[in-house]
Every structure is written in structure tokens, then in C-alpha cells.
Amino acid sequence: MLRFLLTTTAVLALALPTTAQDAEVEEDAEVGQEYEITIATEEDNQYTGPYGEARIGSVVVNVPDAKVEERYNVRITAIRANQYTGDRQASCEFEQVDGDREGMCIPAP
């Protein structure tokens, strides 16, 4: 009886965290879809220059010269793994909401 109780407890302990994680997962970006994003952080890279970063689920979007809190409409054109960070990174076209900036996002290297 004790063995059964320990086995059942172990199985439930492994299953419950997975269920909780699955409930919190946001929808990832899809190629061809349009999204409105808000820049969350600013970075500066010696190879690509300054950029703002946002995420759509687990997919990273890097907009050149973007500042925190700026909003952009983006259309995803491709998603690839970034060879340096391992993150899934989107290539996209962007247009600033309430602004005049437009262009191409920084694709994954």
C-alpha cells in the first residue's frame, strides 16, 4: 500500500507542473500573420546596431532603432533560430503606430 501511495504521489508531482505551465503558454507568432507589438527592451549590438525587442509568445522581434514603449504593426515573413542565442527570431516588415517609421526587422543571423 505504501509503495502504491509513493508511486501515485510521484506521478502526480511530475504531471501537475506540466499542466500549469501549459496553461500559461502564449500563442507564438506565425508566418504571414500581422501583430501589434510594444517594444519591451532596448539593446545595442556591435554588428546590428541599436534595436528594440518585443516577443510574440516565444518568438523574438527586433526592430532597428526602436525605443521602449513604442508600438509597431509587424507582418511576419519568416521565423528562424538565432544561431547565437537559440531563440526563435522573426523576420518581418514593420510600421510604427502613430509614427512615420517603417522598414524591415532584424532577422536571425
PDB file of N, CA and C in Angstrom:
ATOM      1  N   MET A   1       0.817  -1.188   0.000  1.00  0.00           N
ATOM      2  CA  MET A   1       0.000   0.000   0.000  1.00  0.00           C
ATOM      3  C   MET A   1       0.870   1.265   0.000  1.00  0.00           C
ATOM      4  N   LEU A   2       1.931   1.255   0.811  1.00  0.00           N
ATOM      5  CA  LEU A   2       2.822   2.411   0.880  1.00  0.00           C
ATOM      6  C   LEU A   2       3.513   2.653  -0.470  1.00  0.00           C
ATOM      7  N   ARG A   3       3.907   1.552  -1.121  1.00  0.00           N
ATOM      8  CA  ARG A   3       4.554   1.671  -2.439  1.00  0.00           C
ATOM      9  C   ARG A   3       3.600   2.320  -3.443  1.00  0.00           C
ATOM     10  N   PHE A   4       2.334   1.906  -3.442  1.00  0.00           N
ATOM     11  CA  PHE A   4       1.334   2.466  -4.345  1.00  0.00           C
ATOM     12  C   PHE A   4       1.161   3.968  -4.083  1.00  0.00           C
ATOM     13  N   LEU A   5       1.093   4.348  -2.810  1.00  0.00           N
ATOM     14  CA  LEU A   5       0.918   5.734  -2.429  1.00  0.00           C
ATOM     15  C   LEU A   5       2.103   6.594  -2.891  1.00  0.00           C
ATOM     16  N   LEU A   6       3.319   6.089  -2.694  1.00  0.00           N
ATOM     17  CA  LEU A   6       4.511   6.823  -3.123  1.00  0.00           C
ATOM     18  C   LEU A   6       4.572   6.959  -4.636  1.00  0.00           C
ATOM     19  N   THR A   7       4.240   5.901  -5.345  1.00  0.00           N
ATOM     20  CA  THR A   7       4.250   5.918  -6.805  1.00  0.00           C
ATOM     21  C   THR A   7       3.225   6.914  -7.337  1.00  0.00           C
ATOM     22  N   THR A   8       2.028   6.892  -6.797  1.00  0.00           N
ATOM     23  CA  THR A   8       0.971   7.801  -7.230  1.00  0.00           C
ATOM     24  C   THR A   8       1.358   9.250  -6.955  1.00  0.00           C
ATOM     25  N   THR A   9       1.923   9.505  -5.799  1.00  0.00           N
ATOM     26  CA  THR A   9       2.355  10.860  -5.443  1.00  0.00           C
ATOM     27  C   THR A   9       3.443  11.351  -6.393  1.00  0.00           C
ATOM     28  N   ALA A  10       4.392  10.484  -6.715  1.00  0.00           N
ATOM     29  CA  ALA A  10       5.473  10.858  -7.622  1.00  0.00           C
ATOM     30  C   ALA A  10       4.938  11.181  -9.010  1.00  0.00           C
ATOM     31  N   VAL A  11       4.011  10.380  -9.507  1.00  0.00           N
ATOM     32  CA  VAL A  11       3.434  10.610 -10.833  1.00  0.00           C
ATOM     33  C   VAL A  11       2.673  11.932 -10.853  1.00  0.00           C
ATOM     34  N   LEU A  12       1.871  12.188  -9.834  1.00  0.00           N
ATOM     35  CA  LEU A  12       1.120  13.440  -9.774  1.00  0.00           C
ATOM     36  C   LEU A  12       2.052  14.648  -9.656  1.00  0.00           C
ATOM     37  N   ALA A  13       3.102  14.515  -8.890  1.00  0.00           N
ATOM     38  CA  ALA A  13       4.052  15.613  -8.730  1.00  0.00           C
ATOM     39  C   ALA A  13       4.712  15.974 -10.058  1.00  0.00           C
ATOM     40  N   LEU A  14       4.956  14.990 -10.899  1.00  0.00           N
ATOM     41  CA  LEU A  14       5.558  15.247 -12.210  1.00  0.00           C
ATOM     42  C   LEU A  14       4.543  15.819 -13.186  1.00  0.00           C
ATOM     43  N   ALA A  15       3.296  15.382 -13.104  1.00  0.00           N
ATOM     44  CA  ALA A  15       2.274  15.793 -14.061  1.00  0.00           C
ATOM     45  C   ALA A  15       1.728  17.187 -13.777  1.00  0.00           C
ATOM     46  N   LEU A  16       1.566  17.552 -12.533  1.00  0.00           N
ATOM     47  CA  LEU A  16       0.930  18.820 -12.202  1.00  0.00           C
ATOM     48  C   LEU A  16       1.705  20.047 -12.678  1.00  0.00           C
ATOM     49  N   PRO A  17       3.021  20.133 -12.503  1.00  0.00           N
ATOM     50  CA  PRO A  17       3.717  21.325 -13.007  1.00  0.00           C
ATOM     51  C   PRO A  17       3.599  21.479 -14.518  1.00  0.00           C
ATOM     52  N   THR A  18       3.575  20.391 -15.259  1.00  0.00           N
ATOM     53  CA  THR A  18       3.436  20.452 -16.705  1.00  0.00           C
ATOM     54  C   THR A  18       2.089  21.049 -17.085  1.00  0.00           C
ATOM     55  N   THR A  19       1.042  20.638 -16.405  1.00  0.00           N
ATOM     56  CA  THR A  19      -0.288  21.164 -16.679  1.00  0.00           C
ATOM     57  C   THR A  19      -0.326  22.664 -16.418  1.00  0.00           C
ATOM     58  N   ALA A  20       0.260  23.108 -15.327  1.00  0.00           N
ATOM     59  CA  ALA A  20       0.265  24.527 -15.001  1.00  0.00           C
ATOM     60  C   ALA A  20       1.057  25.324 -16.040  1.00  0.00           C
ATOM     61  N   GLN A  21       2.206  24.815 -16.479  1.00  0.00           N
ATOM     62  CA  GLN A  21       2.997  25.509 -17.487  1.00  0.00           C
ATOM     63  C   GLN A  21       2.241  25.631 -18.797  1.00  0.00           C
ATOM     64  N   ASP A  22       1.589  24.548 -19.224  1.00  0.00           N
ATOM     65  CA  ASP A  22       0.865  24.572 -20.485  1.00  0.00           C
ATOM     66  C   ASP A  22      -0.230  25.633 -20.489  1.00  0.00           C
ATOM     67  N   ALA A  23      -0.857  25.874 -19.349  1.00  0.00           N
ATOM     68  CA  ALA A  23      -1.929  26.855 -19.266  1.00  0.00           C
ATOM     69  C   ALA A  23      -1.402  28.276 -19.433  1.00  0.00           C
ATOM     70  N   GLU A  24      -0.121  28.522 -19.134  1.00  0.00           N
ATOM     71  CA  GLU A  24       0.444  29.857 -19.187  1.00  0.00           C
ATOM     72  C   GLU A  24       1.100  30.186 -20.531  1.00  0.00           C
ATOM     73  N   VAL A  25       1.272  29.220 -21.416  1.00  0.00           N
ATOM     74  CA  VAL A  25       1.970  29.440 -22.686  1.00  0.00           C
ATOM     75  C   VAL A  25       1.138  30.348 -23.585  1.00  0.00           C
ATOM     76  N   GLU A  26       1.771  31.416 -24.101  1.00  0.00           N
ATOM     77  CA  GLU A  26       1.110  32.316 -25.032  1.00  0.00           C
ATOM     78  C   GLU A  26       1.249  31.768 -26.446  1.00  0.00           C
ATOM     79  N   GLU A  27       0.383  32.222 -27.313  1.00  0.00           N
ATOM     80  CA  GLU A  27       0.424  31.798 -28.712  1.00  0.00           C
ATOM     81  C   GLU A  27       1.646  32.384 -29.397  1.00  0.00           C
ATOM     82  N   ASP A  28       2.378  31.572 -30.153  1.00  0.00           N
ATOM     83  CA  ASP A  28       3.559  32.028 -30.882  1.00  0.00           C
ATOM     84  C   ASP A  28       3.153  32.706 -32.191  1.00  0.00           C
ATOM     85  N   ALA A  29       4.068  33.527 -32.687  1.00  0.00           N
ATOM     86  CA  ALA A  29       3.874  34.196 -33.969  1.00  0.00           C
ATOM     87  C   ALA A  29       3.843  33.164 -35.089  1.00  0.00           C
ATOM     88  N   GLU A  30       3.134  33.497 -36.154  1.00  0.00           N
ATOM     89  CA  GLU A  30       3.062  32.632 -37.333  1.00  0.00           C
ATOM     90  C   GLU A  30       3.415  33.447 -38.567  1.00  0.00           C
ATOM     91  N   VAL A  31       4.111  32.819 -39.506  1.00  0.00           N
ATOM     92  CA  VAL A  31       4.499  33.463 -40.758  1.00  0.00           C
ATOM     93  C   VAL A  31       3.238  33.886 -41.509  1.00  0.00           C
ATOM     94  N   GLY A  32       3.261  35.121 -42.026  1.00  0.00           N
ATOM     95  CA  GLY A  32       2.143  35.653 -42.789  1.00  0.00           C
ATOM     96  C   GLY A  32       1.138  36.426 -41.948  1.00  0.00           C
ATOM     97  N   GLN A  33       1.223  36.323 -40.639  1.00  0.00           N
ATOM     98  CA  GLN A  33       0.273  37.000 -39.749  1.00  0.00           C
ATOM     99  C   GLN A  33       0.768  38.399 -39.390  1.00  0.00           C
ATOM    100  N   GLU A  34      -0.177  39.276 -39.051  1.00  0.00           N
ATOM    101  CA  GLU A  34       0.145  40.627 -38.614  1.00  0.00           C
ATOM    102  C   GLU A  34      -0.141  40.752 -37.128  1.00  0.00           C
ATOM    103  N   TYR A  35       0.719  41.507 -36.434  1.00  0.00           N
ATOM    104  CA  TYR A  35       0.597  41.694 -34.993  1.00  0.00           C
ATOM    105  C   TYR A  35       0.917  43.133 -34.651  1.00  0.00           C
ATOM    106  N   GLU A  36       0.362  43.620 -33.528  1.00  0.00           N
ATOM    107  CA  GLU A  36       0.788  44.891 -32.974  1.00  0.00           C
ATOM    108  C   GLU A  36       1.648  44.559 -31.763  1.00  0.00           C
ATOM    109  N   ILE A  37       2.861  45.111 -31.748  1.00  0.00           N
ATOM    110  CA  ILE A  37       3.787  44.842 -30.652  1.00  0.00           C
ATOM    111  C   ILE A  37       4.143  46.147 -29.947  1.00  0.00           C
ATOM    112  N   THR A  38       4.581  46.031 -28.700  1.00  0.00           N
ATOM    113  CA  THR A  38       5.114  47.151 -27.934  1.00  0.00           C
ATOM    114  C   THR A  38       6.533  46.787 -27.539  1.00  0.00           C
ATOM    115  N   ILE A  39       7.471  47.657 -27.818  1.00  0.00           N
ATOM    116  CA  ILE A  39       8.879  47.394 -27.524  1.00  0.00           C
ATOM    117  C   ILE A  39       9.066  47.309 -26.011  1.00  0.00           C
ATOM    118  N   ALA A  40       9.674  46.215 -25.565  1.00  0.00           N
ATOM    119  CA  ALA A  40       9.865  45.962 -24.129  1.00  0.00           C
ATOM    120  C   ALA A  40      11.254  46.365 -23.649  1.00  0.00           C
ATOM    121  N   THR A  41      12.271  46.155 -24.485  1.00  0.00           N
ATOM    122  CA  THR A  41      13.646  46.470 -24.087  1.00  0.00           C
ATOM    123  C   THR A  41      14.404  47.075 -25.263  1.00  0.00           C
ATOM    124  N   GLU A  42      15.467  47.793 -24.931  1.00  0.00           N
ATOM    125  CA  GLU A  42      16.368  48.337 -25.951  1.00  0.00           C
ATOM    126  C   GLU A  42      17.717  47.655 -25.806  1.00  0.00           C
ATOM    127  N   GLU A  43      18.329  47.303 -26.914  1.00  0.00           N
ATOM    128  CA  GLU A  43      19.635  46.651 -26.944  1.00  0.00           C
ATOM    129  C   GLU A  43      20.524  47.394 -27.937  1.00  0.00           C
ATOM    130  N   ASP A  44      21.822  47.148 -27.845  1.00  0.00           N
ATOM    131  CA  ASP A  44      22.767  47.699 -28.821  1.00  0.00           C
ATOM    132  C   ASP A  44      23.789  46.614 -29.107  1.00  0.00           C
ATOM    133  N   ASN A  45      23.885  46.218 -30.359  1.00  0.00           N
ATOM    134  CA  ASN A  45      24.756  45.136 -30.771  1.00  0.00           C
ATOM    135  C   ASN A  45      25.810  45.698 -31.722  1.00  0.00           C
ATOM    136  N   GLN A  46      27.052  45.285 -31.547  1.00  0.00           N
ATOM    137  CA  GLN A  46      28.122  45.823 -32.389  1.00  0.00           C
ATOM    138  C   GLN A  46      27.959  45.484 -33.865  1.00  0.00           C
ATOM    139  N   TYR A  47      27.193  44.449 -34.167  1.00  0.00           N
ATOM    140  CA  TYR A  47      27.012  44.045 -35.570  1.00  0.00           C
ATOM    141  C   TYR A  47      25.744  44.606 -36.192  1.00  0.00           C
ATOM    142  N   THR A  48      24.664  44.726 -35.415  1.00  0.00           N
ATOM    143  CA  THR A  48      23.387  45.178 -35.973  1.00  0.00           C
ATOM    144  C   THR A  48      23.027  46.590 -35.567  1.00  0.00           C
ATOM    145  N   GLY A  49      23.725  47.161 -34.560  1.00  0.00           N
ATOM    146  CA  GLY A  49      23.402  48.493 -34.074  1.00  0.00           C
ATOM    147  C   GLY A  49      22.288  48.441 -33.042  1.00  0.00           C
ATOM    148  N   PRO A  50      21.722  49.624 -32.697  1.00  0.00           N
ATOM    149  CA  PRO A  50      20.676  49.674 -31.680  1.00  0.00           C
ATOM    150  C   PRO A  50      19.347  49.125 -32.208  1.00  0.00           C
ATOM    151  N   TYR A  51      18.607  48.467 -31.331  1.00  0.00           N
ATOM    152  CA  TYR A  51      17.299  47.942 -31.702  1.00  0.00           C
ATOM    153  C   TYR A  51      16.436  47.779 -30.461  1.00  0.00           C
ATOM    154  N   GLY A  52      15.125  47.738 -30.687  1.00  0.00           N
ATOM    155  CA  GLY A  52      14.166  47.453 -29.631  1.00  0.00           C
ATOM    156  C   GLY A  52      13.669  46.033 -29.806  1.00  0.00           C
ATOM    157  N   GLU A  53      13.397  45.367 -28.681  1.00  0.00           N
ATOM    158  CA  GLU A  53      12.986  43.965 -28.732  1.00  0.00           C
ATOM    159  C   GLU A  53      11.601  43.787 -28.122  1.00  0.00           C
ATOM    160  N   ALA A  54      10.806  42.953 -28.761  1.00  0.00           N
ATOM    161  CA  ALA A  54       9.496  42.546 -28.253  1.00  0.00           C
ATOM    162  C   ALA A  54       9.358  41.051 -28.515  1.00  0.00           C
ATOM    163  N   ARG A  55       8.404  40.425 -27.860  1.00  0.00           N
ATOM    164  CA  ARG A  55       8.153  38.989 -28.071  1.00  0.00           C
ATOM    165  C   ARG A  55       6.689  38.767 -28.407  1.00  0.00           C
ATOM    166  N   ILE A  56       6.484  37.830 -29.296  1.00  0.00           N
ATOM    167  CA  ILE A  56       5.148  37.326 -29.594  1.00  0.00           C
ATOM    168  C   ILE A  56       5.195  35.864 -29.179  1.00  0.00           C
ATOM    169  N   GLY A  57       4.689  35.557 -28.003  1.00  0.00           N
ATOM    170  CA  GLY A  57       4.882  34.228 -27.433  1.00  0.00           C
ATOM    171  C   GLY A  57       6.355  34.026 -27.181  1.00  0.00           C
ATOM    172  N   SER A  58       6.935  32.996 -27.773  1.00  0.00           N
ATOM    173  CA  SER A  58       8.370  32.745 -27.596  1.00  0.00           C
ATOM    174  C   SER A  58       9.212  33.277 -28.753  1.00  0.00           C
ATOM    175  N   VAL A  59       8.581  33.938 -29.717  1.00  0.00           N
ATOM    176  CA  VAL A  59       9.283  34.448 -30.894  1.00  0.00           C
ATOM    177  C   VAL A  59       9.740  35.882 -30.646  1.00  0.00           C
ATOM    178  N   VAL A  60      11.035  36.143 -30.873  1.00  0.00           N
ATOM    179  CA  VAL A  60      11.631  37.464 -30.668  1.00  0.00           C
ATOM    180  C   VAL A  60      11.486  38.297 -31.940  1.00  0.00           C
ATOM    181  N   VAL A  61      11.131  39.577 -31.747  1.00  0.00           N
ATOM    182  CA  VAL A  61      11.049  40.533 -32.850  1.00  0.00           C
ATOM    183  C   VAL A  61      11.986  41.692 -32.510  1.00  0.00           C
ATOM    184  N   ASN A  62      12.942  41.982 -33.393  1.00  0.00           N
ATOM    185  CA  ASN A  62      13.909  43.065 -33.182  1.00  0.00           C
ATOM    186  C   ASN A  62      13.691  44.158 -34.232  1.00  0.00           C
ATOM    187  N   VAL A  63      13.323  45.350 -33.751  1.00  0.00           N
ATOM    188  CA  VAL A  63      13.048  46.484 -34.637  1.00  0.00           C
ATOM    189  C   VAL A  63      14.216  47.471 -34.516  1.00  0.00           C
ATOM    190  N   PRO A  64      14.902  47.774 -35.627  1.00  0.00           N
ATOM    191  CA  PRO A  64      16.059  48.674 -35.559  1.00  0.00           C
ATOM    192  C   PRO A  64      15.675  50.062 -35.050  1.00  0.00           C
ATOM    193  N   ASP A  65      16.522  50.623 -34.157  1.00  0.00           N
ATOM    194  CA  ASP A  65      16.373  51.973 -33.610  1.00  0.00           C
ATOM    195  C   ASP A  65      15.056  52.219 -32.868  1.00  0.00           C
ATOM    196  N   ALA A  66      14.368  51.174 -32.433  1.00  0.00           N
ATOM    197  CA  ALA A  66      13.109  51.334 -31.698  1.00  0.00           C
ATOM    198  C   ALA A  66      13.386  51.601 -30.225  1.00  0.00           C
ATOM    199  N   LYS A  67      12.491  52.333 -29.590  1.00  0.00           N
ATOM    200  CA  LYS A  67      12.612  52.704 -28.180  1.00  0.00           C
ATOM    201  C   LYS A  67      11.526  52.003 -27.364  1.00  0.00           C
ATOM    202  N   VAL A  68      11.806  51.810 -26.066  1.00  0.00           N
ATOM    203  CA  VAL A  68      10.861  51.179 -25.152  1.00  0.00           C
ATOM    204  C   VAL A  68       9.523  51.922 -25.195  1.00  0.00           C
ATOM    205  N   GLU A  69       8.440  51.153 -25.194  1.00  0.00           N
ATOM    206  CA  GLU A  69       7.053  51.637 -25.209  1.00  0.00           C
ATOM    207  C   GLU A  69       6.558  52.063 -26.592  1.00  0.00           C
ATOM    208  N   GLU A  70       7.425  52.121 -27.609  1.00  0.00           N
ATOM    209  CA  GLU A  70       6.920  52.408 -28.956  1.00  0.00           C
ATOM    210  C   GLU A  70       6.116  51.203 -29.430  1.00  0.00           C
ATOM    211  N   ARG A  71       5.080  51.494 -30.231  1.00  0.00           N
ATOM    212  CA  ARG A  71       4.231  50.420 -30.760  1.00  0.00           C
ATOM    213  C   ARG A  71       4.414  50.315 -32.273  1.00  0.00           C
ATOM    214  N   TYR A  72       4.378  49.074 -32.747  1.00  0.00           N
ATOM    215  CA  TYR A  72       4.574  48.798 -34.173  1.00  0.00           C
ATOM    216  C   TYR A  72       3.589  47.747 -34.644  1.00  0.00           C
ATOM    217  N   ASN A  73       3.153  47.885 -35.891  1.00  0.00           N
ATOM    218  CA  ASN A  73       2.444  46.810 -36.577  1.00  0.00           C
ATOM    219  C   ASN A  73       3.504  46.048 -37.350  1.00  0.00           C
ATOM    220  N   VAL A  74       3.539  44.730 -37.177  1.00  0.00           N
ATOM    221  CA  VAL A  74       4.521  43.905 -37.884  1.00  0.00           C
ATOM    222  C   VAL A  74       3.814  42.795 -38.648  1.00  0.00           C
ATOM    223  N   ARG A  75       4.382  42.460 -39.806  1.00  0.00           N
ATOM    224  CA  ARG A  75       3.919  41.294 -40.578  1.00  0.00           C
ATOM    225  C   ARG A  75       5.090  40.333 -40.640  1.00  0.00           C
ATOM    226  N   ILE A  76       4.900  39.132 -40.093  1.00  0.00           N
ATOM    227  CA  ILE A  76       5.961  38.135 -40.003  1.00  0.00           C
ATOM    228  C   ILE A  76       6.192  37.520 -41.381  1.00  0.00           C
ATOM    229  N   THR A  77       7.465  37.553 -41.844  1.00  0.00           N
ATOM    230  CA  THR A  77       7.794  36.986 -43.154  1.00  0.00           C
ATOM    231  C   THR A  77       8.563  35.668 -43.041  1.00  0.00           C
ATOM    232  N   ALA A  78       9.225  35.446 -41.909  1.00  0.00           N
ATOM    233  CA  ALA A  78       9.959  34.186 -41.682  1.00  0.00           C
ATOM    234  C   ALA A  78      10.285  34.079 -40.192  1.00  0.00           C
ATOM    235  N   ILE A  79      10.507  32.858 -39.729  1.00  0.00           N
ATOM    236  CA  ILE A  79      10.946  32.615 -38.355  1.00  0.00           C
ATOM    237  C   ILE A  79      12.065  31.591 -38.417  1.00  0.00           C
ATOM    238  N   ARG A  80      13.213  31.955 -37.800  1.00  0.00           N
ATOM    239  CA  ARG A  80      14.373  31.055 -37.777  1.00  0.00           C
ATOM    240  C   ARG A  80      14.988  31.064 -36.394  1.00  0.00           C
ATOM    241  N   ALA A  81      15.779  30.053 -36.116  1.00  0.00           N
ATOM    242  CA  ALA A  81      16.517  30.020 -34.858  1.00  0.00           C
ATOM    243  C   ALA A  81      17.724  30.942 -34.964  1.00  0.00           C
ATOM    244  N   ASN A  82      17.927  31.754 -33.943  1.00  0.00           N
ATOM    245  CA  ASN A  82      19.110  32.605 -33.863  1.00  0.00           C
ATOM    246  C   ASN A  82      20.280  31.715 -33.456  1.00  0.00           C
ATOM    247  N   GLN A  83      21.322  31.645 -34.277  1.00  0.00           N
ATOM    248  CA  GLN A  83      22.430  30.716 -34.034  1.00  0.00           C
ATOM    249  C   GLN A  83      23.230  31.055 -32.784  1.00  0.00           C
ATOM    250  N   TYR A  84      23.129  32.293 -32.291  1.00  0.00           N
ATOM    251  CA  TYR A  84      23.902  32.694 -31.116  1.00  0.00           C
ATOM    252  C   TYR A  84      23.120  32.544 -29.812  1.00  0.00           C
ATOM    253  N   THR A  85      21.816  32.855 -29.841  1.00  0.00           N
ATOM    254  CA  THR A  85      21.020  32.809 -28.615  1.00  0.00           C
ATOM    255  C   THR A  85      20.159  31.557 -28.514  1.00  0.00           C
ATOM    256  N   GLY A  86      19.878  30.926 -29.654  1.00  0.00           N
ATOM    257  CA  GLY A  86      18.985  29.772 -29.667  1.00  0.00           C
ATOM    258  C   GLY A  86      17.514  30.165 -29.697  1.00  0.00           C
ATOM    259  N   ASP A  87      17.202  31.469 -29.562  1.00  0.00           N
ATOM    260  CA  ASP A  87      15.815  31.935 -29.603  1.00  0.00           C
ATOM    261  C   ASP A  87      15.258  31.810 -31.007  1.00  0.00           C
ATOM    262  N   ARG A  88      13.935  31.662 -31.102  1.00  0.00           N
ATOM    263  CA  ARG A  88      13.256  31.747 -32.388  1.00  0.00           C
ATOM    264  C   ARG A  88      13.063  33.229 -32.675  1.00  0.00           C
ATOM    265  N   GLN A  89      13.556  33.692 -33.823  1.00  0.00           N
ATOM    266  CA  GLN A  89      13.548  35.113 -34.155  1.00  0.00           C
ATOM    267  C   GLN A  89      12.830  35.339 -35.475  1.00  0.00           C
ATOM    268  N   ALA A  90      11.989  36.375 -35.509  1.00  0.00           N
ATOM    269  CA  ALA A  90      11.183  36.667 -36.690  1.00  0.00           C
ATOM    270  C   ALA A  90      11.879  37.654 -37.615  1.00  0.00           C
ATOM    271  N   SER A  91      11.727  37.415 -38.905  1.00  0.00           N
ATOM    272  CA  SER A  91      11.991  38.426 -39.919  1.00  0.00           C
ATOM    273  C   SER A  91      10.623  39.039 -40.184  1.00  0.00           C
ATOM    274  N   CYS A  92      10.562  40.364 -40.337  1.00  0.00           N
ATOM    275  CA  CYS A  92       9.253  40.974 -40.532  1.00  0.00           C
ATOM    276  C   CYS A  92       9.375  42.341 -41.177  1.00  0.00           C
ATOM    277  N   GLU A  93       8.239  42.852 -41.600  1.00  0.00           N
ATOM    278  CA  GLU A  93       8.109  44.225 -42.068  1.00  0.00           C
ATOM    279  C   GLU A  93       7.404  44.972 -40.951  1.00  0.00           C
ATOM    280  N   PHE A  94       7.848  46.206 -40.657  1.00  0.00           N
ATOM    281  CA  PHE A  94       7.210  46.947 -39.573  1.00  0.00           C
ATOM    282  C   PHE A  94       6.756  48.324 -40.018  1.00  0.00           C
ATOM    283  N   GLU A  95       5.750  48.840 -39.308  1.00  0.00           N
ATOM    284  CA  GLU A  95       5.267  50.196 -39.483  1.00  0.00           C
ATOM    285  C   GLU A  95       4.907  50.715 -38.097  1.00  0.00           C
ATOM    286  N   GLN A  96       5.443  51.861 -37.728  1.00  0.00           N
ATOM    287  CA  GLN A  96       5.209  52.418 -36.401  1.00  0.00           C
ATOM    288  C   GLN A  96       3.771  52.903 -36.264  1.00  0.00           C
ATOM    289  N   VAL A  97       3.143  52.579 -35.138  1.00  0.00           N
ATOM    290  CA  VAL A  97       1.809  53.077 -34.831  1.00  0.00           C
ATOM    291  C   VAL A  97       1.964  54.524 -34.367  1.00  0.00           C
ATOM    292  N   ASP A  98       1.181  55.434 -34.915  1.00  0.00           N
ATOM    293  CA  ASP A  98       1.246  56.857 -34.573  1.00  0.00           C
ATOM    294  C   ASP A  98       2.641  57.437 -34.810  1.00  0.00           C
ATOM    295  N   GLY A  99       3.293  56.989 -35.856  1.00  0.00           N
ATOM    296  CA  GLY A  99       4.625  57.490 -36.202  1.00  0.00           C
ATOM    297  C   GLY A  99       4.857  57.317 -37.691  1.00  0.00           C
ATOM    298  N   ASP A 100       6.080  57.631 -38.129  1.00  0.00           N
ATOM    299  CA  ASP A 100       6.377  57.562 -39.560  1.00  0.00           C
ATOM    300  C   ASP A 100       7.466  56.565 -39.912  1.00  0.00           C
ATOM    301  N   ARG A 101       7.870  55.728 -38.952  1.00  0.00           N
ATOM    302  CA  ARG A 101       8.934  54.776 -39.228  1.00  0.00           C
ATOM    303  C   ARG A 101       8.354  53.505 -39.850  1.00  0.00           C
ATOM    304  N   GLU A 102       9.059  52.981 -40.832  1.00  0.00           N
ATOM    305  CA  GLU A 102       8.717  51.682 -41.415  1.00  0.00           C
ATOM    306  C   GLU A 102       9.962  51.058 -41.991  1.00  0.00           C
ATOM    307  N   GLY A 103       9.925  49.740 -42.166  1.00  0.00           N
ATOM    308  CA  GLY A 103      11.087  49.053 -42.710  1.00  0.00           C
ATOM    309  C   GLY A 103      11.071  47.566 -42.392  1.00  0.00           C
ATOM    310  N   MET A 104      12.262  47.005 -42.333  1.00  0.00           N
ATOM    311  CA  MET A 104      12.420  45.563 -42.098  1.00  0.00           C
ATOM    312  C   MET A 104      13.005  45.321 -40.711  1.00  0.00           C
ATOM    313  N   CYS A 105      12.495  44.304 -40.023  1.00  0.00           N
ATOM    314  CA  CYS A 105      13.037  43.893 -38.726  1.00  0.00           C
ATOM    315  C   CYS A 105      14.402  43.248 -38.934  1.00  0.00           C
ATOM    316  N   ILE A 106      15.152  43.112 -37.858  1.00  0.00           N
ATOM    317  CA  ILE A 106      16.456  42.462 -37.922  1.00  0.00           C
ATOM    318  C   ILE A 106      16.238  40.952 -37.890  1.00  0.00           C
ATOM    319  N   PRO A 107      16.608  40.231 -38.960  1.00  0.00           N
ATOM    320  CA  PRO A 107      16.394  38.774 -38.997  1.00  0.00           C
ATOM    321  C   PRO A 107      17.422  38.023 -38.150  1.00  0.00           C
ATOM    322  N   ALA A 108      17.155  36.763 -37.904  1.00  0.00           N
ATOM    323  CA  ALA A 108      18.097  35.917 -37.177  1.00  0.00           C
ATOM    324  C   ALA A 108      19.355  35.712 -37.993  1.00  0.00           C
ATOM    325  N   PRO A 109      20.516  35.777 -37.333  1.00  0.00           N
ATOM    326  CA  PRO A 109      21.770  35.512 -38.065  1.00  0.00           C
ATOM    327  C   PRO A 109      21.916  34.034 -38.352  1.00  0.00           C
TER     328      PRO A 109
END
